[in-house]
Protein backbone atom coordinates (compact mmCIF):
# COMPACT_ATOMS: atom_id res chain seq x y z
CA LEU A 1 53.01 142.15 75.94
CA ILE A 2 51.19 145.12 77.48
CA TYR A 3 47.74 143.51 77.36
CA PRO A 4 48.76 140.24 79.10
CA PHE A 5 50.61 142.28 81.74
CA ILE A 6 47.49 144.37 82.38
CA LEU A 7 45.43 141.18 82.64
CA LEU A 8 47.86 139.77 85.19
CA VAL A 9 47.83 142.94 87.31
CA VAL A 10 44.01 143.16 87.26
CA ALA A 11 43.64 139.47 88.13
CA ILE A 12 46.07 139.70 91.06
CA PHE A 13 44.35 142.87 92.28
CA ALA A 14 40.95 141.15 92.13
CA VAL A 15 42.17 138.16 94.14
CA VAL A 16 43.84 140.40 96.74
CA VAL A 17 40.66 142.48 97.15
CA MET A 18 38.55 139.36 97.59
CA LEU A 19 40.93 137.86 100.15
CA THR A 20 41.48 141.04 102.15
CA TYR A 21 38.12 142.82 101.88
CA VAL A 22 35.34 140.44 100.82
CA LEU A 23 36.42 137.44 102.92
CA PRO A 24 36.45 139.34 106.24
CA LYS A 25 32.84 140.39 105.60
CA PHE A 26 31.82 136.76 105.21
CA MET A 27 33.84 135.78 108.28
CA GLN A 28 31.59 138.01 110.36
CA ILE A 29 28.51 136.38 108.86
CA TYR A 30 29.79 132.83 109.43
CA SER A 31 31.16 133.41 112.93
CA ASN A 32 27.84 132.27 114.44
CA TYR A 33 27.03 129.75 111.73
CA GLY A 34 25.46 126.76 113.45
CA LYS A 35 26.30 124.09 110.90
CA THR A 36 29.66 122.77 109.76
CA LEU A 37 31.00 124.93 106.98
CA PRO A 38 31.98 123.33 103.65
CA TRP A 39 35.67 122.41 103.44
CA SER A 40 36.33 125.00 100.73
CA THR A 41 34.84 127.75 102.89
CA ARG A 42 36.85 126.63 105.93
CA PHE A 43 39.99 126.58 103.80
CA LEU A 44 39.49 130.17 102.65
CA LEU A 45 38.70 131.38 106.16
CA GLN A 46 41.86 129.73 107.51
CA LEU A 47 43.85 131.18 104.64
CA ASN A 48 42.50 134.63 105.44
CA ARG A 49 43.46 134.28 109.11
CA PHE A 50 46.93 133.09 108.17
CA LEU A 51 47.49 135.99 105.77
CA SER A 52 46.18 138.48 108.31
CA ASP A 53 48.40 137.16 111.11
CA HIS A 54 51.54 136.33 109.14
CA TRP A 55 51.61 138.77 106.20
CA TRP A 56 54.93 140.14 107.42
CA LEU A 57 56.43 136.63 107.32
CA LEU A 58 55.32 136.09 103.73
CA ILE A 59 56.78 139.42 102.65
CA GLY A 60 60.03 138.62 104.46
CA VAL A 61 60.35 135.18 102.85
CA LEU A 62 59.59 136.65 99.42
CA ALA A 63 62.19 139.39 99.92
CA VAL A 64 64.83 136.85 101.00
CA LEU A 65 64.10 134.65 97.98
CA ILE A 66 64.38 137.61 95.60
CA ILE A 67 67.66 138.73 97.17
CA CYS A 68 69.09 135.20 97.01
CA LEU A 69 68.07 134.90 93.35
CA VAL A 70 69.66 138.26 92.49
CA VAL A 71 72.89 137.36 94.30
CA TYR A 72 72.96 133.90 92.68
CA ARG A 73 72.33 135.46 89.26
CA ARG A 74 75.36 137.71 89.70
CA THR A 75 77.73 134.79 90.19
CA ALA A 76 79.26 133.26 87.06
CA TYR A 77 78.01 129.78 87.96
CA GLY A 78 74.53 130.97 88.88
CA ARG A 79 74.15 133.07 85.76
CA ARG A 80 75.15 130.18 83.51
CA GLN A 81 72.80 127.77 85.29
CA LEU A 82 69.87 130.16 84.99
CA ASP A 83 70.68 130.90 81.34
CA GLU A 84 70.85 127.17 80.58
CA PHE A 85 67.54 126.64 82.35
CA ARG A 86 65.93 129.44 80.35
CA LEU A 87 67.07 127.86 77.07
CA LYS A 88 65.48 124.53 78.05
CA LEU A 89 62.03 125.98 78.72
CA PRO A 90 59.44 124.84 76.12
CA VAL A 91 58.39 128.17 74.59
CA VAL A 92 60.61 130.73 76.29
CA GLY A 93 63.70 128.71 75.35
CA LYS A 94 62.95 128.88 71.64
CA LEU A 95 62.33 132.61 71.91
CA SER A 96 65.59 133.15 73.83
CA ILE A 97 67.58 131.21 71.22
CA ALA A 98 65.98 133.17 68.37
CA LEU A 99 66.77 136.51 70.01
CA ALA A 100 70.35 135.48 70.76
CA MET A 101 70.96 134.21 67.22
CA THR A 102 69.52 137.42 65.77
CA GLU A 103 71.90 139.55 67.84
CA ILE A 104 74.98 137.38 67.30
CA CYS A 105 74.54 136.72 63.57
CA ARG A 106 73.61 140.34 62.87
CA SER A 107 76.66 141.57 64.78
CA ILE A 108 79.20 139.23 63.18
CA GLY A 109 77.67 139.60 59.72
CA THR A 110 77.70 143.40 59.86
CA MET A 111 81.31 143.52 61.02
CA LEU A 112 82.47 141.07 58.36
CA GLU A 113 80.72 143.10 55.65
CA ASN A 114 82.58 146.18 56.90
CA GLY A 115 86.00 144.56 56.72
CA VAL A 116 86.45 143.50 60.35
CA SER A 117 88.43 140.28 60.79
CA LEU A 118 86.55 137.14 61.84
CA ILE A 119 88.53 136.77 65.07
CA LYS A 120 87.80 140.34 66.13
CA ALA A 121 84.14 139.99 65.15
CA LEU A 122 83.83 136.91 67.37
CA ASN A 123 85.57 138.65 70.27
CA VAL A 124 83.26 141.66 70.02
CA SER A 125 80.09 139.61 69.55
CA CYS A 126 80.67 137.50 72.65
CA HIS A 127 79.91 140.64 74.70
CA ILE A 128 76.70 141.43 72.81
CA SER A 129 74.59 138.46 73.88
CA ASN A 130 73.24 138.62 77.43
CA ASN A 131 73.17 134.83 77.63
CA GLN A 132 76.33 133.40 79.16
CA VAL A 133 75.88 130.08 77.36
CA PHE A 134 76.36 131.77 73.99
CA GLN A 135 79.03 134.12 75.33
CA THR A 136 81.15 131.14 76.40
CA ALA A 137 80.42 129.31 73.14
CA LEU A 138 81.62 132.29 71.07
CA VAL A 139 84.85 132.48 73.07
CA GLU A 140 85.42 128.76 72.50
CA ALA A 141 84.63 129.14 68.79
CA GLY A 142 87.10 132.03 68.54
CA VAL A 143 89.84 129.86 70.03
CA GLU A 144 89.09 127.08 67.52
CA VAL A 145 89.15 129.53 64.60
CA GLU A 146 92.53 130.86 65.76
CA ARG A 147 93.79 127.26 65.66
CA GLY A 148 92.79 127.02 62.01
CA LYS A 149 89.31 125.54 62.07
CA HIS A 150 86.45 126.82 59.95
CA LEU A 151 83.85 128.86 61.83
CA SER A 152 81.10 126.39 60.95
CA GLU A 153 83.12 123.57 62.51
CA ALA A 154 83.89 125.67 65.57
CA LEU A 155 80.23 126.60 66.08
CA ALA A 156 79.12 122.99 65.66
CA LYS A 157 81.71 121.84 68.20
CA THR A 158 80.24 124.06 70.93
CA GLY A 159 76.98 122.12 70.72
CA VAL A 160 74.78 125.14 71.45
CA PHE A 161 74.34 126.80 68.05
CA PRO A 162 71.33 125.71 65.95
CA ALA A 163 71.95 123.61 62.85
CA THR A 164 70.59 126.41 60.66
CA VAL A 165 73.31 128.81 61.81
CA VAL A 166 76.01 126.17 61.31
CA ALA A 167 74.71 125.31 57.82
CA LEU A 168 74.44 128.92 56.64
CA THR A 169 77.90 129.65 58.03
CA GLY A 170 79.27 126.70 56.07
CA ILE A 171 77.64 127.98 52.89
CA GLY A 172 79.17 131.40 53.51
CA GLU A 173 82.61 129.84 53.88
CA HIS A 174 82.32 128.00 50.57
CA THR A 175 80.89 130.94 48.64
CA GLY A 176 83.06 133.62 50.22
CA LYS A 177 79.96 135.50 51.42
CA MET A 178 80.11 134.82 55.14
CA GLY A 179 78.73 138.23 56.10
CA THR A 180 75.76 137.92 53.75
CA MET A 181 74.86 134.43 54.95
CA LEU A 182 75.04 135.49 58.59
CA GLN A 183 72.75 138.41 57.81
CA GLN A 184 70.31 135.92 56.27
CA ALA A 185 70.57 133.82 59.42
CA ALA A 186 69.80 136.92 61.49
CA ASP A 187 66.75 137.67 59.31
CA HIS A 188 65.56 134.08 59.71
CA TYR A 189 65.82 134.10 63.49
CA GLU A 190 64.37 137.58 63.78
CA GLN A 191 61.24 136.31 62.05
CA GLU A 192 61.27 133.16 64.16
CA GLY A 193 61.59 135.30 67.29
CA LYS A 194 58.52 137.33 66.32
CA GLU A 195 56.53 134.16 65.71
CA SER A 196 57.68 132.66 69.03
CA LEU A 197 56.73 135.85 70.86
CA GLU A 198 53.26 135.76 69.30
CA LYS A 199 52.89 132.14 70.44
CA VAL A 200 53.94 133.08 73.99
CA VAL A 201 51.35 135.86 74.11
CA LYS A 202 48.60 133.71 72.56
CA THR A 203 49.34 130.89 75.01
CA PHE A 204 49.70 133.12 78.06
CA GLU A 205 46.44 135.04 77.67
CA PRO A 206 43.95 132.13 77.70
CA VAL A 207 45.91 130.25 80.37
CA LEU A 208 45.95 133.34 82.59
CA ILE A 209 42.25 134.04 82.04
CA LEU A 210 41.32 130.40 82.73
CA THR A 211 43.51 130.16 85.85
CA MET A 212 42.32 133.41 87.39
CA GLY A 213 38.73 132.57 86.47
CA LEU A 214 38.99 129.26 88.32
CA ILE A 215 40.56 130.93 91.37
CA ILE A 216 37.99 133.72 91.55
CA GLY A 217 35.17 131.27 90.84
CA PHE A 218 36.40 128.99 93.64
CA ILE A 219 36.44 131.91 96.08
CA VAL A 220 32.97 133.14 95.12
CA ILE A 221 31.35 129.69 95.20
CA SER A 222 33.04 128.80 98.49
CA MET A 223 31.70 131.96 100.11
CA LEU A 224 28.17 131.43 98.80
CA LEU A 225 27.81 127.72 99.62
CA PRO A 226 26.80 128.21 103.28
CA VAL A 227 24.39 130.97 102.27
CA LEU A 228 22.70 128.65 99.81
CA GLY A 229 22.63 125.88 102.41
CA ILE A 230 24.68 123.49 100.25
CA SER A 231 26.76 120.83 102.00
CA VAL A 232 30.06 119.96 100.37
CA ILE A 233 32.20 117.09 101.56
C-alpha cells in the first residue's frame, strides 16, 4: 500500500502546485486578454479566485466534517452504521469480512485447541474484532449457544457470518474437531484477504493514475488554449 499512497500524495501535490502557483501566472497573462476566454479557462480562473479568497472557509468546513465524523464514529449507533456501510462496499467490504473472519476464527480455534470452553472463547473473541457488526453477532451467538444451540446454527442465525464459516463450523461439530476446522477457516480467509488486498491495490493504482492524469491534463490544456488561439464553446 506504500506505492499507491505515494502516488496519491504526489498527485495531490502536483494539483495544488498548479492551482496555487501556475494558475496565478496565467491569470496575469490573461488579465488583458482581448477575446473571450474558453469556458474551461474561465472555470479554472474562477476556481483559483475562490480558493484564494475562501481557503479558510474550506479548511473550516473540512475540519468540522472530520470532527463530526469522529464524534459520530464514537457513538454506538454511528460505529455500527459505519461498520455496516464498510461491509457493503464492493471491494473493501470483501476485504473487511476476510480480515474479520481471520481474526475471529483464529482466536476461537486457538482457544478451543487449548482447552478453553466454547462460551468463554466466544466472549473473548467478541472483543477482538474491531467491527461492531461481528462483535454484536458473536454476543448473540454466545447467548444462543448457552441456550443449547449448536455454534453453526447460532452463527447462521445472526445472518452476518459467511456460509463457509458456518459450514466448516458444522463439520467441526460433527467430527469433534471444532478448533481445527476454525483454524482452517482462518487460513482460508487469510488467503482470501491477501487476494482481496492485491485486487484493491491493482484497482486503485490505474484508477488514481487515470483520474489525476485527466485532472492535470484538463488544467494544462485549459491554460494553453488561449495561448494557442483555440476557441472552445
